[in-house]
Each structure stands twice: as structure tokens, then as C-alpha cells.
C-alpha atoms as a PDB file:
ATOM      1  CA  MET A   1      53.695  47.499 127.653  1.00  0.00           C
ATOM      2  CA  SER A   2      56.681  49.151 126.022  1.00  0.00           C
ATOM      3  CA  ASP A   3      57.220  51.359 122.941  1.00  0.00           C
ATOM      4  CA  ASP A   4      59.920  53.209 121.126  1.00  0.00           C
ATOM      5  CA  PHE A   5      60.519  55.252 124.287  1.00  0.00           C
ATOM      6  CA  GLY A   6      61.610  52.235 126.397  1.00  0.00           C
ATOM      7  CA  ASN A   7      59.408  51.864 129.466  1.00  0.00           C
ATOM      8  CA  ARG A   8      57.698  55.221 128.909  1.00  0.00           C
ATOM      9  CA  THR A   9      54.210  54.111 127.877  1.00  0.00           C
ATOM     10  CA  PRO A  10      51.779  56.630 126.326  1.00  0.00           C
ATOM     11  CA  GLU A  11      50.116  57.106 129.689  1.00  0.00           C
ATOM     12  CA  LYS A  12      53.466  57.910 131.282  1.00  0.00           C
ATOM     13  CA  LEU A  13      54.384  60.267 128.519  1.00  0.00           C
ATOM     14  CA  MET A  14      51.108  62.150 129.009  1.00  0.00           C
ATOM     15  CA  ASP A  15      51.741  62.305 132.750  1.00  0.00           C
ATOM     16  CA  ALA A  16      55.272  63.652 132.216  1.00  0.00           C
ATOM     17  CA  GLU A  17      53.996  66.210 129.633  1.00  0.00           C
ATOM     18  CA  SER A  18      51.282  67.423 131.993  1.00  0.00           C
ATOM     19  CA  ARG A  19      53.786  67.803 134.852  1.00  0.00           C
ATOM     20  CA  SER A  20      56.064  69.854 132.627  1.00  0.00           C
ATOM     21  CA  MET A  21      53.370  72.435 131.774  1.00  0.00           C
ATOM     22  CA  PRO A  22      52.694  75.534 133.943  1.00  0.00           C
ATOM     23  CA  THR A  23      49.999  75.301 136.576  1.00  0.00           C
ATOM     24  CA  LEU A  24      48.435  77.680 139.113  1.00  0.00           C
ATOM     25  CA  ASN A  25      47.422  77.014 142.698  1.00  0.00           C
ATOM     26  CA  ARG A  26      46.503  79.253 145.606  1.00  0.00           C
ATOM     27  CA  GLU A  27      47.628  79.327 149.245  1.00  0.00           C
ATOM     28  CA  GLY A  28      45.668  82.005 151.103  1.00  0.00           C
ATOM     29  CA  ASP A  29      46.444  85.356 149.408  1.00  0.00           C
ATOM     30  CA  VAL A  30      49.340  83.907 147.429  1.00  0.00           C
ATOM     31  CA  TYR A  31      49.082  82.239 143.976  1.00  0.00           C
ATOM     32  CA  LEU A  32      51.749  79.751 143.115  1.00  0.00           C
ATOM     33  CA  LEU A  33      52.547  79.646 139.388  1.00  0.00           C
ATOM     34  CA  ASN A  34      54.576  76.534 138.825  1.00  0.00           C
ATOM     35  CA  LEU A  35      56.501  76.605 135.549  1.00  0.00           C
ATOM     36  CA  GLY A  36      56.873  72.791 135.490  1.00  0.00           C
ATOM     37  CA  ASP A  37      59.435  70.102 136.223  1.00  0.00           C
ATOM     38  CA  GLY A  38      61.399  70.128 132.927  1.00  0.00           C
ATOM     39  CA  GLU A  39      63.653  72.709 131.408  1.00  0.00           C
ATOM     40  CA  ASN A  40      60.641  75.057 131.216  1.00  0.00           C
ATOM     41  CA  ARG A  41      61.801  76.738 127.976  1.00  0.00           C
ATOM     42  CA  PHE A  42      59.702  79.352 126.241  1.00  0.00           C
ATOM     43  CA  ASN A  43      57.704  78.550 123.130  1.00  0.00           C
ATOM     44  CA  PRO A  44      54.344  79.931 121.963  1.00  0.00           C
ATOM     45  CA  ASP A  45      52.217  77.199 123.630  1.00  0.00           C
ATOM     46  CA  ARG A  46      53.955  77.533 126.983  1.00  0.00           C
ATOM     47  CA  ASN A  47      53.979  81.366 126.770  1.00  0.00           C
ATOM     48  CA  SER A  48      50.278  81.479 126.122  1.00  0.00           C
ATOM     49  CA  ILE A  49      49.576  79.337 129.177  1.00  0.00           C
ATOM     50  CA  ILE A  50      51.795  81.432 131.450  1.00  0.00           C
ATOM     51  CA  GLU A  51      50.259  84.704 130.135  1.00  0.00           C
ATOM     52  CA  GLU A  52      46.797  83.301 130.745  1.00  0.00           C
ATOM     53  CA  LEU A  53      47.664  82.283 134.362  1.00  0.00           C
ATOM     54  CA  LEU A  54      49.261  85.720 135.063  1.00  0.00           C
ATOM     55  CA  GLY A  55      46.068  87.370 133.749  1.00  0.00           C
ATOM     56  CA  GLU A  56      43.991  85.168 136.045  1.00  0.00           C
ATOM     57  CA  VAL A  57      46.048  86.334 139.083  1.00  0.00           C
ATOM     58  CA  GLU A  58      45.879  90.008 137.999  1.00  0.00           C
ATOM     59  CA  GLY A  59      42.083  89.656 137.560  1.00  0.00           C
ATOM     60  CA  ALA A  60      41.571  88.319 141.071  1.00  0.00           C
ATOM     61  CA  PRO A  61      40.484  90.792 143.743  1.00  0.00           C
ATOM     62  CA  ALA A  62      43.100  92.029 146.196  1.00  0.00           C
ATOM     63  CA  PRO A  63      44.650  90.924 148.484  1.00  0.00           C
ATOM     64  CA  ARG A  64      46.618  88.703 146.205  1.00  0.00           C
ATOM     65  CA  ALA A  65      50.262  88.152 145.209  1.00  0.00           C
ATOM     66  CA  LEU A  66      52.205  85.839 142.939  1.00  0.00           C
ATOM     67  CA  VAL A  67      55.115  83.477 143.549  1.00  0.00           C
ATOM     68  CA  THR A  68      56.639  81.876 140.430  1.00  0.00           C
ATOM     69  CA  VAL A  69      58.121  78.485 141.163  1.00  0.00           C
ATOM     70  CA  ALA A  70      59.356  75.388 139.392  1.00  0.00           C
ATOM     71  CA  THR A  71      59.993  71.747 140.255  1.00  0.00           C
ATOM     72  CA  GLY A  72      63.193  69.881 139.676  1.00  0.00           C
ATOM     73  CA  LYS A  73      66.684  71.024 138.728  1.00  0.00           C
ATOM     74  CA  VAL A  74      65.683  73.915 136.486  1.00  0.00           C
ATOM     75  CA  TRP A  75      63.625  77.084 137.059  1.00  0.00           C
ATOM     76  CA  SER A  76      63.851  77.967 133.360  1.00  0.00           C
ATOM     77  CA  ASN A  77      66.515  77.566 130.719  1.00  0.00           C
ATOM     78  CA  GLY A  78      65.197  80.265 128.457  1.00  0.00           C
ATOM     79  CA  LEU A  79      64.093  79.959 124.836  1.00  0.00           C
ATOM     80  CA  ASP A  80      62.994  76.629 123.399  1.00  0.00           C
ATOM     81  CA  LEU A  81      65.793  76.348 120.810  1.00  0.00           C
ATOM     82  CA  GLU A  82      64.500  73.038 119.495  1.00  0.00           C
ATOM     83  CA  TRP A  83      61.119  74.661 118.720  1.00  0.00           C
ATOM     84  CA  PHE A  84      62.875  77.602 117.116  1.00  0.00           C
ATOM     85  CA  GLN A  85      64.927  75.337 114.889  1.00  0.00           C
ATOM     86  CA  ALA A  86      61.791  73.346 113.880  1.00  0.00           C
ATOM     87  CA  ASN A  87      59.800  76.488 113.128  1.00  0.00           C
ATOM     88  CA  PRO A  88      62.210  78.968 111.479  1.00  0.00           C
ATOM     89  CA  GLU A  89      59.368  80.898 109.885  1.00  0.00           C
ATOM     90  CA  ARG A  90      57.930  81.704 113.299  1.00  0.00           C
ATOM     91  CA  VAL A  91      61.121  82.674 115.120  1.00  0.00           C
ATOM     92  CA  GLN A  92      60.422  86.452 115.151  1.00  0.00           C
ATOM     93  CA  GLU A  93      56.882  85.809 116.253  1.00  0.00           C
ATOM     94  CA  ALA A  94      57.920  83.602 119.124  1.00  0.00           C
ATOM     95  CA  LEU A  95      60.674  85.956 120.284  1.00  0.00           C
ATOM     96  CA  ASP A  96      58.263  88.885 120.246  1.00  0.00           C
ATOM     97  CA  GLN A  97      55.748  86.909 122.239  1.00  0.00           C
ATOM     98  CA  THR A  98      58.401  85.977 124.824  1.00  0.00           C
ATOM     99  CA  GLU A  99      59.429  89.598 125.233  1.00  0.00           C
ATOM    100  CA  ARG A 100      55.866  90.653 125.692  1.00  0.00           C
ATOM    101  CA  LEU A 101      55.443  88.036 128.345  1.00  0.00           C
ATOM    102  CA  ILE A 102      58.461  89.425 130.243  1.00  0.00           C
ATOM    103  CA  ALA A 103      57.046  92.891 129.902  1.00  0.00           C
ATOM    104  CA  ALA A 104      53.700  91.692 131.319  1.00  0.00           C
ATOM    105  CA  PHE A 105      55.479  90.478 134.478  1.00  0.00           C
ATOM    106  CA  LEU A 106      57.661  93.622 134.757  1.00  0.00           C
ATOM    107  CA  GLY A 107      54.569  95.840 134.775  1.00  0.00           C
ATOM    108  CA  ALA A 108      52.141  93.572 136.507  1.00  0.00           C
ATOM    109  CA  GLY A 109      49.563  95.062 138.898  1.00  0.00           C
ATOM    110  CA  VAL A 110      50.309  92.294 141.415  1.00  0.00           C
ATOM    111  CA  PRO A 111      53.287  91.760 143.747  1.00  0.00           C
ATOM    112  CA  THR A 112      55.528  89.110 142.238  1.00  0.00           C
ATOM    113  CA  VAL A 113      58.291  86.909 143.680  1.00  0.00           C
ATOM    114  CA  ALA A 114      60.515  84.469 141.779  1.00  0.00           C
ATOM    115  CA  ALA A 115      61.465  81.443 143.933  1.00  0.00           C
ATOM    116  CA  ILE A 116      64.378  80.070 142.039  1.00  0.00           C
ATOM    117  CA  GLN A 117      65.171  76.525 143.109  1.00  0.00           C
ATOM    118  CA  GLY A 118      67.442  75.516 140.223  1.00  0.00           C
ATOM    119  CA  HIS A 119      69.134  76.667 137.027  1.00  0.00           C
ATOM    120  CA  CYS A 120      67.912  79.986 135.638  1.00  0.00           C
ATOM    121  CA  PHE A 121      69.492  80.816 132.261  1.00  0.00           C
ATOM    122  CA  ALA A 122      69.109  83.345 129.453  1.00  0.00           C
ATOM    123  CA  GLY A 123      65.481  84.210 128.913  1.00  0.00           C
ATOM    124  CA  GLY A 124      64.632  82.398 132.099  1.00  0.00           C
ATOM    125  CA  ALA A 125      66.890  84.792 134.068  1.00  0.00           C
ATOM    126  CA  MET A 126      65.244  87.725 132.278  1.00  0.00           C
ATOM    127  CA  LEU A 127      61.733  86.458 133.332  1.00  0.00           C
ATOM    128  CA  ALA A 128      62.971  86.072 136.845  1.00  0.00           C
ATOM    129  CA  LEU A 129      64.372  89.666 136.825  1.00  0.00           C
ATOM    130  CA  ALA A 130      60.935  90.887 135.714  1.00  0.00           C
ATOM    131  CA  HIS A 131      59.588  89.950 139.141  1.00  0.00           C
ATOM    132  CA  ASP A 132      59.584  92.400 142.050  1.00  0.00           C
ATOM    133  CA  TYR A 133      61.716  90.124 144.289  1.00  0.00           C
ATOM    134  CA  LEU A 134      63.982  87.225 143.564  1.00  0.00           C
ATOM    135  CA  ILE A 135      64.901  84.551 146.079  1.00  0.00           C
ATOM    136  CA  MET A 136      67.319  81.852 144.984  1.00  0.00           C
ATOM    137  CA  ARG A 137      68.410  78.577 146.482  1.00  0.00           C
ATOM    138  CA  GLU A 138      71.804  79.202 147.976  1.00  0.00           C
ATOM    139  CA  ASP A 139      73.455  75.758 147.511  1.00  0.00           C
ATOM    140  CA  ARG A 140      72.226  74.514 144.089  1.00  0.00           C
ATOM    141  CA  GLY A 141      71.630  75.922 140.605  1.00  0.00           C
ATOM    142  CA  TYR A 142      73.123  78.757 138.660  1.00  0.00           C
ATOM    143  CA  LEU A 143      71.788  81.962 137.238  1.00  0.00           C
ATOM    144  CA  CYS A 144      73.441  82.914 133.897  1.00  0.00           C
ATOM    145  CA  LEU A 145      73.129  85.149 130.880  1.00  0.00           C
ATOM    146  CA  PRO A 146      75.113  83.030 128.337  1.00  0.00           C
ATOM    147  CA  GLU A 147      74.278  85.120 125.240  1.00  0.00           C
ATOM    148  CA  ALA A 148      77.907  86.254 124.871  1.00  0.00           C
ATOM    149  CA  ASP A 149      79.031  82.627 124.617  1.00  0.00           C
ATOM    150  CA  LEU A 150      76.178  81.721 122.270  1.00  0.00           C
ATOM    151  CA  GLY A 151      76.802  84.510 119.830  1.00  0.00           C
ATOM    152  CA  LEU A 152      73.392  86.066 120.495  1.00  0.00           C
ATOM    153  CA  PRO A 153      73.338  89.788 121.218  1.00  0.00           C
ATOM    154  CA  PHE A 154      70.641  91.007 123.573  1.00  0.00           C
ATOM    155  CA  THR A 155      67.602  92.653 121.962  1.00  0.00           C
ATOM    156  CA  PRO A 156      66.998  96.305 122.839  1.00  0.00           C
ATOM    157  CA  GLY A 157      64.236  95.316 125.226  1.00  0.00           C
ATOM    158  CA  MET A 158      66.277  92.607 126.997  1.00  0.00           C
ATOM    159  CA  ASN A 159      69.239  95.024 127.200  1.00  0.00           C
ATOM    160  CA  GLU A 160      67.072  97.711 128.860  1.00  0.00           C
ATOM    161  CA  LEU A 161      65.493  95.230 131.200  1.00  0.00           C
ATOM    162  CA  LEU A 162      68.910  94.064 132.453  1.00  0.00           C
ATOM    163  CA  LEU A 163      70.243  97.581 132.894  1.00  0.00           C
ATOM    164  CA  SER A 164      67.082  98.515 134.704  1.00  0.00           C
ATOM    165  CA  ARG A 165      67.093  95.585 137.129  1.00  0.00           C
ATOM    166  CA  LEU A 166      70.751  94.994 137.843  1.00  0.00           C
ATOM    167  CA  PRO A 167      73.509  97.149 139.381  1.00  0.00           C
ATOM    168  CA  ARG A 168      75.522  98.554 136.487  1.00  0.00           C
ATOM    169  CA  ARG A 169      78.783  96.848 137.230  1.00  0.00           C
ATOM    170  CA  THR A 170      76.953  93.517 137.814  1.00  0.00           C
ATOM    171  CA  ALA A 171      75.016  93.976 134.554  1.00  0.00           C
ATOM    172  CA  HIS A 172      78.286  94.461 132.654  1.00  0.00           C
ATOM    173  CA  GLU A 173      79.893  91.346 134.127  1.00  0.00           C
ATOM    174  CA  ALA A 174      76.828  89.184 133.714  1.00  0.00           C
ATOM    175  CA  MET A 175      76.154  90.290 130.137  1.00  0.00           C
ATOM    176  CA  VAL A 176      79.720  90.454 128.814  1.00  0.00           C
ATOM    177  CA  THR A 177      81.286  87.475 130.591  1.00  0.00           C
ATOM    178  CA  ALA A 178      78.396  85.051 130.736  1.00  0.00           C
ATOM    179  CA  ARG A 179      79.403  84.243 134.346  1.00  0.00           C
ATOM    180  CA  ARG A 180      77.390  81.613 136.254  1.00  0.00           C
ATOM    181  CA  TYR A 181      76.238  82.861 139.652  1.00  0.00           C
ATOM    182  CA  GLY A 182      75.305  80.490 142.449  1.00  0.00           C
ATOM    183  CA  GLY A 183      72.627  81.640 144.875  1.00  0.00           C
ATOM    184  CA  SER A 184      74.926  83.192 147.433  1.00  0.00           C
ATOM    185  CA  GLU A 185      77.055  84.839 144.678  1.00  0.00           C
ATOM    186  CA  ALA A 186      73.899  86.208 143.004  1.00  0.00           C
ATOM    187  CA  ALA A 187      72.717  87.768 146.287  1.00  0.00           C
ATOM    188  CA  ALA A 188      76.106  89.312 146.931  1.00  0.00           C
ATOM    189  CA  ALA A 189      76.121  90.790 143.368  1.00  0.00           C
ATOM    190  CA  GLY A 190      72.602  92.275 143.798  1.00  0.00           C
ATOM    191  CA  ILE A 191      71.069  89.985 141.184  1.00  0.00           C
ATOM    192  CA  VAL A 192      68.679  88.345 143.692  1.00  0.00           C
ATOM    193  CA  ASP A 193      67.325  89.831 146.875  1.00  0.00           C
ATOM    194  CA  GLU A 194      68.085  86.816 149.046  1.00  0.00           C
ATOM    195  CA  ALA A 195      69.560  83.309 149.024  1.00  0.00           C
ATOM    196  CA  ALA A 196      67.867  80.650 151.074  1.00  0.00           C
ATOM    197  CA  THR A 197      68.266  76.958 151.953  1.00  0.00           C
ATOM    198  CA  GLU A 198      66.122  74.499 150.091  1.00  0.00           C
ATOM    199  CA  ASP A 199      63.621  74.062 152.906  1.00  0.00           C
ATOM    200  CA  LEU A 200      63.251  77.798 153.410  1.00  0.00           C
ATOM    201  CA  LEU A 201      63.125  78.959 149.816  1.00  0.00           C
ATOM    202  CA  LEU A 202      59.388  78.603 149.117  1.00  0.00           C
ATOM    203  CA  PRO A 203      58.213  79.625 152.624  1.00  0.00           C
ATOM    204  CA  THR A 204      60.423  82.738 152.449  1.00  0.00           C
ATOM    205  CA  ALA A 205      59.036  83.653 148.979  1.00  0.00           C
ATOM    206  CA  VAL A 206      55.415  83.059 150.136  1.00  0.00           C
ATOM    207  CA  GLU A 207      55.894  85.118 153.296  1.00  0.00           C
ATOM    208  CA  ARG A 208      57.407  88.014 151.317  1.00  0.00           C
ATOM    209  CA  ALA A 209      54.623  87.835 148.703  1.00  0.00           C
ATOM    210  CA  SER A 210      51.849  87.645 151.373  1.00  0.00           C
ATOM    211  CA  GLY A 211      53.188  90.791 153.046  1.00  0.00           C
ATOM    212  CA  GLN A 212      52.741  92.730 149.764  1.00  0.00           C
ATOM    213  CA  ALA A 213      49.374  91.233 148.770  1.00  0.00           C
ATOM    214  CA  PRO A 214      47.182  94.117 150.018  1.00  0.00           C
ATOM    215  CA  LYS A 215      48.774  96.622 147.570  1.00  0.00           C
ATOM    216  CA  ASN A 216      46.222  98.396 145.300  1.00  0.00           C
ATOM    217  CA  PRO A 217      46.502  96.760 141.883  1.00  0.00           C
ATOM    218  CA  ASP A 218      45.978  99.895 139.795  1.00  0.00           C
ATOM    219  CA  THR A 219      48.477 101.964 141.866  1.00  0.00           C
ATOM    220  CA  LEU A 220      51.025  99.143 141.706  1.00  0.00           C
ATOM    221  CA  ARG A 221      50.675  98.701 137.970  1.00  0.00           C
ATOM    222  CA  ALA A 222      50.986 102.499 137.392  1.00  0.00           C
ATOM    223  CA  ILE A 223      54.128 102.770 139.613  1.00  0.00           C
ATOM    224  CA  LYS A 224      55.860  99.826 137.918  1.00  0.00           C
ATOM    225  CA  ARG A 225      54.970 100.825 134.386  1.00  0.00           C
ATOM    226  CA  ARG A 226      56.429 104.258 135.052  1.00  0.00           C
ATOM    227  CA  ILE A 227      59.622 102.978 136.677  1.00  0.00           C
ATOM    228  CA  TYR A 228      60.205 100.628 133.783  1.00  0.00           C
ATOM    229  CA  ALA A 229      58.520 102.574 130.955  1.00  0.00           C
ATOM    230  CA  GLU A 230      61.393 102.338 128.539  1.00  0.00           C
ATOM    231  CA  ALA A 231      62.079  98.689 129.145  1.00  0.00           C
ATOM    232  CA  ILE A 232      58.423  97.805 128.740  1.00  0.00           C
ATOM    233  CA  GLU A 233      58.007  99.799 125.616  1.00  0.00           C
ATOM    234  CA  LEU A 234      61.115  98.178 124.049  1.00  0.00           C
ATOM    235  CA  LEU A 235      59.925  94.686 125.079  1.00  0.00           C
ATOM    236  CA  GLU A 236      56.504  95.218 123.655  1.00  0.00           C
ATOM    237  CA  THR A 237      57.940  96.556 120.342  1.00  0.00           C
ATOM    238  CA  SER A 238      59.123  94.018 117.708  1.00  0.00           C
ATOM    239  CA  HIS A 239      62.799  94.367 116.711  1.00  0.00           C
ATOM    240  CA  PRO A 240      63.985  92.335 113.695  1.00  0.00           C
ATOM    241  CA  LEU A 241      66.654  89.767 114.562  1.00  0.00           C
ATOM    242  CA  GLY A 242      70.138  90.950 113.857  1.00  0.00           C
ATOM    243  CA  THR A 243      69.467  94.660 114.324  1.00  0.00           C
END
């Protein structure tokens, strides 16, 4: 049976939609938060699911750690611009929610690793940088902060996040030039901790996360929230667009 979407029947559309939504699985002490197999852009529905799954991991007894993964060509392409265009009255609300989600990862009381298998752009790159460790596929995908080309200045919270998590000269180049970094380039620039081949990406991320899983949750949360106190406060505070 066919419809207006060609050979994509309602059942296939539902399957595709379910695959594109975030899910959570566990391998030993390591939880795998899969962002999905699409562009994995941030909108209120997706943000709420990710926030709920992160809360589930944080609420689990130690030892536990988190690896954030995705499936396909994209880890995350940032804000869901189509949703923003369709809901102009909720733009500020959605942006604030996205920044709070980034802050939640930055100060999480659980060891976190971003296993970046594909493109990681804009808000997606910022979510990745809110993880403790970043491992990126060395031969495919780019990490990029394209705001300078899009005419979108960084919010105060995003600005502080990037300056807190990147070497200063790298932050300047990435933010001002909108350069696209491949995995090996990102590792050399200090954006990610390591570049790995496709077959080693996830095992390397899981191994690193597993080694950190016994950390005391309350201690870890206190340490991270003190290191990144200014960034977290700015991300958790609404700033009107254009200011």
C-alpha cells in the first residue's frame, strides 16, 4: 500500500519516527543514550526525552556511567530550525530548555562520554562539549560551530561553555571562522580527547566510561558544578534573543 510519501506506509513512518527518537540501554555499568538515527535536532519533545533519560542514569546507583551515541551520518545537527520556524511564539522557551539540557550534562553527577560517529554541528557540538570526554570518528563526519556563517551570535551561556571547554585559540578559531573539523583535526586542536576508527569508536568510549563508573555521584556533581559554575549559571538563566 502506498500513500503521499511514496513507499513509506504509515507503519514504516512510525518505525522511522521511533528509530529517530532517543533511547536508553545498558551494558554492564555503562548506559548508552542513543540520540537517534536522523539529524537529532533539539526541540521541546526531544529535549524532554533526553532530560528524562539523563535523570534515569543519574538516579541509578553507582557504579554507572553514560555514553551518548547516535546512529547514522549525524550525531546531532543542533537546533530544530523547522520547529522554531513553525512555533515562533515558543522560540525563547525552546532555546532556554536546550540550554538547560546542556547545563544538565555539564554538571551531571555521572561520568559522561560523547561517542561522535558523524556530523556534530552548532548546538549538537555544544551538547557534546558538555560531556566529560569526547571521542570522534577519525575518518568521517565534521564538528562545527557555524553560528558566524548563520548570523547567530552565541548566547552568554553558550559563549561561556565554549570558552570553558576549549583551548582559547581553538575557541576563537572555531567560533569566529565556523571551521569544520574532521575527527583527527578536532583531536589535534584539543576539541575532542581522541579520534578513533569506526570499529573502535564505541568500544573505546564504553571502556573509558566504565573506568570512571565507580566515582561518587555527589562528589562528581559538586566538582563539576564548581568547575563550570559560571557556564552553568548562564545556561540556566534565560537571555532574551538579540541581547
